[in-house]
Protein backbone atom coordinates (compact mmCIF):
# COMPACT_ATOMS: atom_id res chain seq x y z
CA UNK A 1 43.87 16.21 -20.37
CA UNK A 2 42.83 14.95 -23.82
CA UNK A 3 39.03 15.06 -23.80
CA UNK A 4 38.78 13.29 -27.17
CA UNK A 5 40.63 10.21 -25.85
CA UNK A 6 38.69 10.26 -22.59
CA UNK A 7 35.37 10.47 -24.44
CA UNK A 8 36.37 7.56 -26.65
CA UNK A 9 37.40 5.43 -23.66
CA UNK A 10 34.18 6.29 -21.81
CA UNK A 11 31.99 5.42 -24.78
CA UNK A 12 33.84 2.66 -26.69
CA UNK A 13 31.54 -0.16 -27.70
CA UNK A 14 32.04 -3.43 -29.50
CA UNK A 15 30.47 -3.85 -32.92
CA UNK A 16 29.72 -7.52 -33.66
CA UNK A 17 31.78 -8.92 -36.54
CA UNK A 18 28.58 -9.63 -38.49
CA UNK A 19 28.00 -5.86 -38.55
CA UNK A 20 31.50 -5.00 -39.82
CA UNK A 21 31.70 -4.35 -43.54
CA UNK A 22 34.21 -2.80 -45.87
CA UNK A 23 36.41 -1.09 -46.14
CA UNK A 24 38.92 -2.61 -43.79
CA UNK A 25 42.41 -1.28 -43.22
CA UNK A 26 44.80 -1.25 -46.17
CA UNK A 27 48.31 -2.70 -45.84
CA UNK A 28 49.90 0.59 -44.72
CA UNK A 29 47.23 1.19 -42.08
CA UNK A 30 47.44 -2.42 -40.91
CA UNK A 31 51.20 -2.04 -40.40
CA UNK A 32 50.56 1.00 -38.21
CA UNK A 33 47.80 -0.81 -36.28
CA UNK A 34 50.14 -3.68 -35.48
CA UNK A 35 52.93 -1.34 -34.36
CA UNK A 36 50.50 0.39 -32.02
CA UNK A 37 49.17 -2.95 -30.77
CA UNK A 38 52.70 -4.01 -29.85
CA UNK A 39 53.22 -1.01 -27.54
CA UNK A 40 52.19 -2.85 -24.38
CA UNK A 41 53.68 -3.67 -20.99
CA UNK A 42 56.19 -6.45 -21.67
CA UNK A 43 58.30 -7.38 -18.66
CA UNK A 44 61.74 -8.38 -19.92
CA UNK A 45 61.08 -7.17 -23.49
CA UNK A 46 60.24 -10.75 -24.50
CA UNK A 47 57.48 -9.97 -27.05
CA UNK A 48 55.73 -13.19 -25.98
CA UNK A 49 53.13 -12.86 -28.73
CA UNK A 50 52.88 -12.61 -32.48
CA UNK A 51 50.34 -11.74 -35.16
CA UNK A 52 48.69 -13.82 -37.87
CA UNK A 53 46.83 -11.78 -40.50
CA UNK A 54 43.89 -13.49 -42.17
CA UNK A 55 42.76 -11.61 -45.26
CA UNK A 56 39.33 -12.04 -46.83
CA UNK A 57 40.25 -14.87 -49.17
CA UNK A 58 42.15 -16.91 -46.59
CA UNK A 59 39.35 -16.46 -44.05
CA UNK A 60 36.77 -17.94 -46.43
CA UNK A 61 39.01 -20.96 -46.90
CA UNK A 62 39.53 -21.20 -43.13
CA UNK A 63 35.80 -20.91 -42.42
CA UNK A 64 35.09 -23.80 -44.80
CA UNK A 65 37.76 -25.95 -43.12
CA UNK A 66 36.43 -25.04 -39.67
CA UNK A 67 32.93 -26.07 -40.71
CA UNK A 68 34.27 -29.46 -41.80
CA UNK A 69 36.10 -29.73 -38.48
CA UNK A 70 32.90 -28.84 -36.61
CA UNK A 71 31.06 -31.66 -38.41
CA UNK A 72 33.36 -34.16 -36.67
CA UNK A 73 31.78 -33.30 -33.30
CA UNK A 74 29.91 -36.33 -31.90
CA UNK A 75 26.90 -34.34 -30.72
CA UNK A 76 24.94 -33.18 -33.82
CA UNK A 77 23.56 -30.16 -31.96
CA UNK A 78 27.04 -29.07 -30.89
CA UNK A 79 28.36 -29.73 -34.41
CA UNK A 80 25.71 -27.38 -35.81
CA UNK A 81 26.53 -24.67 -33.30
CA UNK A 82 30.24 -24.96 -34.06
CA UNK A 83 29.63 -24.87 -37.81
CA UNK A 84 27.63 -21.65 -37.42
CA UNK A 85 30.36 -20.14 -35.24
CA UNK A 86 32.92 -21.05 -37.91
CA UNK A 87 31.14 -18.72 -40.34
CA UNK A 88 31.91 -15.78 -38.05
CA UNK A 89 35.54 -16.13 -39.07
CA UNK A 90 34.65 -14.89 -42.57
CA UNK A 91 32.48 -11.89 -41.61
CA UNK A 92 34.71 -8.84 -41.17
CA UNK A 93 37.03 -7.50 -43.87
CA UNK A 94 40.09 -8.40 -41.79
CA UNK A 95 40.91 -10.67 -38.86
CA UNK A 96 44.17 -10.51 -36.94
CA UNK A 97 45.04 -13.43 -34.71
CA UNK A 98 46.97 -12.39 -31.64
CA UNK A 99 48.95 -15.44 -30.60
CA UNK A 100 50.27 -15.92 -27.09
CA UNK A 101 53.77 -17.30 -27.73
CA UNK A 102 55.40 -17.48 -24.31
CA UNK A 103 59.09 -18.06 -23.89
CA UNK A 104 60.88 -19.85 -21.10
CA UNK A 105 62.33 -17.31 -18.70
CA UNK A 106 63.68 -17.78 -15.16
CA UNK A 107 62.21 -14.53 -13.83
CA UNK A 108 59.13 -13.76 -15.91
CA UNK A 109 56.17 -16.04 -15.22
CA UNK A 110 53.91 -17.42 -17.93
CA UNK A 111 50.96 -15.45 -16.52
CA UNK A 112 52.72 -12.10 -17.06
CA UNK A 113 53.51 -13.09 -20.64
CA UNK A 114 49.88 -14.05 -21.25
CA UNK A 115 48.70 -10.75 -19.79
CA UNK A 116 51.03 -8.93 -22.18
CA UNK A 117 49.44 -10.79 -25.08
CA UNK A 118 45.95 -9.83 -23.87
CA UNK A 119 47.09 -6.20 -23.69
CA UNK A 120 48.10 -6.48 -27.37
CA UNK A 121 44.51 -7.48 -28.19
CA UNK A 122 43.03 -4.48 -26.43
CA UNK A 123 45.60 -2.12 -27.92
CA UNK A 124 44.71 -3.42 -31.38
CA UNK A 125 41.01 -2.81 -30.71
CA UNK A 126 41.76 0.76 -29.60
CA UNK A 127 44.08 1.37 -32.58
CA UNK A 128 41.40 0.17 -35.01
CA UNK A 129 38.93 2.65 -33.49
CA UNK A 130 41.51 5.45 -33.65
CA UNK A 131 41.77 4.89 -37.40
CA UNK A 132 37.99 5.09 -37.85
CA UNK A 133 37.25 1.37 -37.90
CA UNK A 134 35.57 -0.79 -35.30
CA UNK A 135 36.79 -4.09 -33.94
CA UNK A 136 35.55 -7.12 -32.04
CA UNK A 137 37.81 -9.31 -29.91
CA UNK A 138 36.70 -12.94 -30.20
CA UNK A 139 38.04 -16.40 -29.50
CA UNK A 140 35.37 -19.11 -30.00
CA UNK A 141 35.73 -22.89 -30.06
CA UNK A 142 38.43 -22.99 -32.72
CA UNK A 143 40.76 -21.04 -30.43
CA UNK A 144 40.68 -24.03 -28.06
CA UNK A 145 40.67 -26.90 -30.55
CA UNK A 146 44.22 -28.23 -31.09
CA UNK A 147 43.65 -29.24 -34.72
CA UNK A 148 42.00 -25.92 -35.55
CA UNK A 149 44.83 -23.97 -33.90
CA UNK A 150 47.39 -25.89 -35.94
CA UNK A 151 45.40 -25.32 -39.14
CA UNK A 152 45.16 -21.60 -38.38
CA UNK A 153 48.95 -21.31 -38.06
CA UNK A 154 49.74 -21.80 -34.38
CA UNK A 155 52.73 -23.78 -33.20
CA UNK A 156 52.79 -26.22 -30.29
CA UNK A 157 52.66 -24.37 -26.97
CA UNK A 158 50.94 -21.32 -28.48
CA UNK A 159 47.41 -20.16 -27.70
CA UNK A 160 45.04 -17.66 -29.26
CA UNK A 161 44.66 -14.58 -27.10
CA UNK A 162 42.12 -13.26 -29.54
CA UNK A 163 40.95 -13.00 -33.08
CA UNK A 164 40.48 -9.27 -33.66
CA UNK A 165 37.83 -8.68 -36.35
CA UNK A 166 38.27 -5.25 -37.95
CA UNK A 167 36.07 -3.34 -40.37
CA UNK A 168 33.70 -0.45 -40.87
CA UNK A 169 30.49 -0.53 -38.83
CA UNK A 170 27.37 -1.00 -40.94
CA UNK A 171 25.15 0.33 -38.13
CA UNK A 172 25.66 2.24 -34.91
CA UNK A 173 26.75 0.03 -32.02
CA UNK A 174 24.18 -0.67 -29.33
CA UNK A 175 24.89 0.31 -25.75
CA UNK A 176 24.75 -2.38 -23.08
CA UNK A 177 24.60 -2.47 -19.31
CA UNK A 178 27.97 -1.84 -17.73
CA UNK A 179 29.26 -3.24 -14.45
CA UNK A 180 28.78 -1.32 -11.23
CA UNK A 181 32.40 -0.32 -10.73
CA UNK A 182 31.75 0.99 -7.22
CA UNK A 183 30.39 -2.41 -6.17
CA UNK A 184 33.47 -4.10 -7.65
CA UNK A 185 35.98 -1.82 -5.91
CA UNK A 186 37.46 -2.24 -2.46
CA UNK A 187 40.12 -0.21 -0.72
CA UNK A 188 42.67 -2.33 1.11
CA UNK A 189 43.80 -1.53 4.62
CA UNK A 190 46.41 -3.41 6.60
CA UNK A 191 45.01 -5.99 9.04
CA UNK A 192 45.15 -4.75 12.62
CA UNK A 193 46.97 -7.85 13.86
CA UNK A 194 49.75 -7.67 11.28
């Protein structure tokens, strides 16, 4: 039993991207993070996902474009909220987009491919922590806006599984209430009439 890993898993907390400062991972560390992230269950070895790396400069440009896109929203209140959310894209030193890029396969359903992509996101979060960084897994409105997805580098038929914001925490993460796992757990038994 590896107590260090167990302790990490029992105490891992998300640090909001606004609280992630420099340094972020360098190119060599990033390459290792992505290799670790890719070690996920992947039925059929399809790799139905890919990465888009947004460095600091490109994220500032993207945040500006996203704010302009947000301004096109008919409801001024919603436009303001979206514009503020667009700024989040520029907070952390590094953002990695994990893109769900499913492939047509006669035996492997879309859902399994999407789950594999989600597993990549969580593996990337864990890898970032293992290297001494913190990470936040976000999506936000621009993950669901077709024009924003295209601008951010997604192809038709692709979706964002998550934008993983990575950096060094500027303050200790706050604890939050956790679900009552016992209340969420059942133990199945075969029906008597089966």
